[in-house]
C-alpha atoms as a PDB file:
ATOM      1  CA  UNK A   1       0.014  -0.066  -0.142  1.00  0.00           C
ATOM      2  CA  UNK A   2       1.335   3.390  -0.965  1.00  0.00           C
ATOM      3  CA  UNK A   3      -0.510   6.583  -0.482  1.00  0.00           C
ATOM      4  CA  UNK A   4       2.111   9.116   0.160  1.00  0.00           C
ATOM      5  CA  UNK A   5      -0.226  11.740  -0.838  1.00  0.00           C
ATOM      6  CA  UNK A   6      -2.828  10.694   1.529  1.00  0.00           C
ATOM      7  CA  UNK A   7      -5.314  10.486  -1.174  1.00  0.00           C
ATOM      8  CA  UNK A   8      -8.941   9.689  -0.727  1.00  0.00           C
ATOM      9  CA  UNK A   9      -9.524   7.829  -3.903  1.00  0.00           C
ATOM     10  CA  UNK A  10      -6.795   5.326  -4.911  1.00  0.00           C
ATOM     11  CA  UNK A  11      -6.358   2.399  -6.956  1.00  0.00           C
ATOM     12  CA  UNK A  12      -6.063  -0.847  -5.130  1.00  0.00           C
ATOM     13  CA  UNK A  13      -2.241  -0.302  -4.191  1.00  0.00           C
ATOM     14  CA  UNK A  14      -2.828   3.112  -2.813  1.00  0.00           C
ATOM     15  CA  UNK A  15      -1.589   4.986  -5.959  1.00  0.00           C
ATOM     16  CA  UNK A  16      -3.366   7.710  -7.740  1.00  0.00           C
ATOM     17  CA  UNK A  17      -6.178   6.822  -9.810  1.00  0.00           C
ATOM     18  CA  UNK A  18      -5.514   7.118 -13.649  1.00  0.00           C
ATOM     19  CA  UNK A  19      -7.302  10.206 -15.106  1.00  0.00           C
ATOM     20  CA  UNK A  20      -8.626   7.661 -18.309  1.00  0.00           C
ATOM     21  CA  UNK A  21     -10.052   5.467 -15.988  1.00  0.00           C
ATOM     22  CA  UNK A  22     -11.856   8.064 -13.860  1.00  0.00           C
ATOM     23  CA  UNK A  23     -13.160   9.551 -16.885  1.00  0.00           C
ATOM     24  CA  UNK A  24     -14.652   6.171 -18.476  1.00  0.00           C
ATOM     25  CA  UNK A  25     -16.391   5.490 -15.110  1.00  0.00           C
ATOM     26  CA  UNK A  26     -17.855   8.968 -15.126  1.00  0.00           C
ATOM     27  CA  UNK A  27     -19.113   8.561 -18.428  1.00  0.00           C
ATOM     28  CA  UNK A  28     -20.908   5.434 -17.406  1.00  0.00           C
ATOM     29  CA  UNK A  29     -22.356   6.977 -14.598  1.00  0.00           C
ATOM     30  CA  UNK A  30     -23.243   9.858 -16.325  1.00  0.00           C
ATOM     31  CA  UNK A  31     -25.044   7.742 -19.247  1.00  0.00           C
ATOM     32  CA  UNK A  32     -26.946   5.579 -16.648  1.00  0.00           C
ATOM     33  CA  UNK A  33     -28.569   8.769 -14.977  1.00  0.00           C
ATOM     34  CA  UNK A  34     -29.446  10.274 -18.744  1.00  0.00           C
ATOM     35  CA  UNK A  35     -27.085  12.972 -18.632  1.00  0.00           C
ATOM     36  CA  UNK A  36     -24.573  14.333 -21.338  1.00  0.00           C
ATOM     37  CA  UNK A  37     -21.256  13.530 -21.437  1.00  0.00           C
ATOM     38  CA  UNK A  38     -19.034  16.215 -19.611  1.00  0.00           C
ATOM     39  CA  UNK A  39     -15.519  16.492 -18.014  1.00  0.00           C
ATOM     40  CA  UNK A  40     -14.803  15.591 -14.262  1.00  0.00           C
ATOM     41  CA  UNK A  41     -13.619  19.022 -13.512  1.00  0.00           C
ATOM     42  CA  UNK A  42     -17.176  20.327 -14.917  1.00  0.00           C
ATOM     43  CA  UNK A  43     -18.562  18.528 -11.768  1.00  0.00           C
ATOM     44  CA  UNK A  44     -16.126  20.954  -9.558  1.00  0.00           C
ATOM     45  CA  UNK A  45     -17.319  24.020 -11.402  1.00  0.00           C
ATOM     46  CA  UNK A  46     -20.889  23.009 -10.782  1.00  0.00           C
ATOM     47  CA  UNK A  47     -20.270  22.379  -7.197  1.00  0.00           C
ATOM     48  CA  UNK A  48     -18.771  25.680  -6.608  1.00  0.00           C
ATOM     49  CA  UNK A  49     -21.544  27.604  -8.430  1.00  0.00           C
ATOM     50  CA  UNK A  50     -24.300  25.677  -6.592  1.00  0.00           C
ATOM     51  CA  UNK A  51     -22.740  26.246  -3.559  1.00  0.00           C
ATOM     52  CA  UNK A  52     -22.581  30.140  -4.209  1.00  0.00           C
ATOM     53  CA  UNK A  53     -25.960  30.339  -5.701  1.00  0.00           C
ATOM     54  CA  UNK A  54     -27.456  28.447  -2.383  1.00  0.00           C
ATOM     55  CA  UNK A  55     -25.873  30.945   0.103  1.00  0.00           C
ATOM     56  CA  UNK A  56     -22.371  29.525   0.899  1.00  0.00           C
ATOM     57  CA  UNK A  57     -19.943  32.245   1.498  1.00  0.00           C
ATOM     58  CA  UNK A  58     -16.755  32.623  -0.887  1.00  0.00           C
ATOM     59  CA  UNK A  59     -14.269  31.668   2.105  1.00  0.00           C
ATOM     60  CA  UNK A  60     -16.165  28.397   2.627  1.00  0.00           C
ATOM     61  CA  UNK A  61     -16.075  27.598  -0.971  1.00  0.00           C
ATOM     62  CA  UNK A  62     -12.702  28.664  -1.393  1.00  0.00           C
ATOM     63  CA  UNK A  63     -11.873  26.233   1.407  1.00  0.00           C
ATOM     64  CA  UNK A  64     -13.947  23.502  -0.112  1.00  0.00           C
ATOM     65  CA  UNK A  65     -12.295  23.928  -3.642  1.00  0.00           C
ATOM     66  CA  UNK A  66      -8.632  24.120  -2.258  1.00  0.00           C
ATOM     67  CA  UNK A  67      -8.179  27.567  -3.743  1.00  0.00           C
ATOM     68  CA  UNK A  68      -5.132  29.438  -2.406  1.00  0.00           C
ATOM     69  CA  UNK A  69      -7.406  32.675  -2.056  1.00  0.00           C
ATOM     70  CA  UNK A  70     -10.781  34.020  -1.986  1.00  0.00           C
ATOM     71  CA  UNK A  71      -9.883  36.618  -4.978  1.00  0.00           C
ATOM     72  CA  UNK A  72      -8.952  33.527  -7.221  1.00  0.00           C
ATOM     73  CA  UNK A  73     -12.487  32.003  -6.000  1.00  0.00           C
ATOM     74  CA  UNK A  74     -14.171  35.291  -6.940  1.00  0.00           C
ATOM     75  CA  UNK A  75     -12.284  36.043 -10.033  1.00  0.00           C
ATOM     76  CA  UNK A  76     -13.434  32.376 -11.021  1.00  0.00           C
ATOM     77  CA  UNK A  77     -16.865  32.472 -10.375  1.00  0.00           C
ATOM     78  CA  UNK A  78     -17.397  36.460 -10.567  1.00  0.00           C
ATOM     79  CA  UNK A  79     -20.415  35.902 -13.283  1.00  0.00           C
ATOM     80  CA  UNK A  80     -22.398  34.905 -10.387  1.00  0.00           C
ATOM     81  CA  UNK A  81     -22.036  38.006  -8.361  1.00  0.00           C
ATOM     82  CA  UNK A  82     -24.687  40.052 -10.208  1.00  0.00           C
ATOM     83  CA  UNK A  83     -27.479  37.614  -9.536  1.00  0.00           C
ATOM     84  CA  UNK A  84     -26.422  37.213  -6.056  1.00  0.00           C
ATOM     85  CA  UNK A  85     -26.346  41.032  -5.568  1.00  0.00           C
ATOM     86  CA  UNK A  86     -29.849  41.278  -6.777  1.00  0.00           C
ATOM     87  CA  UNK A  87     -31.082  38.311  -4.429  1.00  0.00           C
ATOM     88  CA  UNK A  88     -29.155  39.919  -1.417  1.00  0.00           C
ATOM     89  CA  UNK A  89     -31.120  43.332  -2.313  1.00  0.00           C
ATOM     90  CA  UNK A  90     -34.577  41.331  -2.610  1.00  0.00           C
ATOM     91  CA  UNK A  91     -33.835  39.580   0.728  1.00  0.00           C
ATOM     92  CA  UNK A  92     -33.008  43.077   2.140  1.00  0.00           C
ATOM     93  CA  UNK A  93     -35.921  44.654   0.995  1.00  0.00           C
ATOM     94  CA  UNK A  94     -38.165  41.812   2.386  1.00  0.00           C
ATOM     95  CA  UNK A  95     -36.366  42.476   5.776  1.00  0.00           C
ATOM     96  CA  UNK A  96     -36.806  46.146   5.973  1.00  0.00           C
ATOM     97  CA  UNK A  97     -40.414  45.595   4.988  1.00  0.00           C
ATOM     98  CA  UNK A  98     -40.963  43.101   7.705  1.00  0.00           C
ATOM     99  CA  UNK A  99     -39.338  45.600  10.201  1.00  0.00           C
ATOM    100  CA  UNK A 100     -41.249  48.594   9.136  1.00  0.00           C
ATOM    101  CA  UNK A 101     -44.572  46.725   9.187  1.00  0.00           C
ATOM    102  CA  UNK A 102     -43.539  45.042  12.790  1.00  0.00           C
ATOM    103  CA  UNK A 103     -42.639  48.756  14.171  1.00  0.00           C
ATOM    104  CA  UNK A 104     -46.202  50.113  12.743  1.00  0.00           C
ATOM    105  CA  UNK A 105     -48.112  47.382  14.196  1.00  0.00           C
END
């Protein structure tokens, strides 16, 4: 058993998986659930996008992805920020309206 990099997923001997093997299995899984073929790295981007869209803060996503800085994460996924700003503004508007209504009641 050789796992010098402390990997989670290894071959039977503890060594890194061959990328072609991983891709071959990914294609089978995607086909079995009716999804189009995609690269493994696409799943990483999908994870990051969904995390940010569903309220995870940038520092959490940065850590989950292993990025060296939050700035890198923001630069990579900056296209999401406009929609996130709009959603934030809508949430704040609801909060303000709720607070004003509560004070006036």
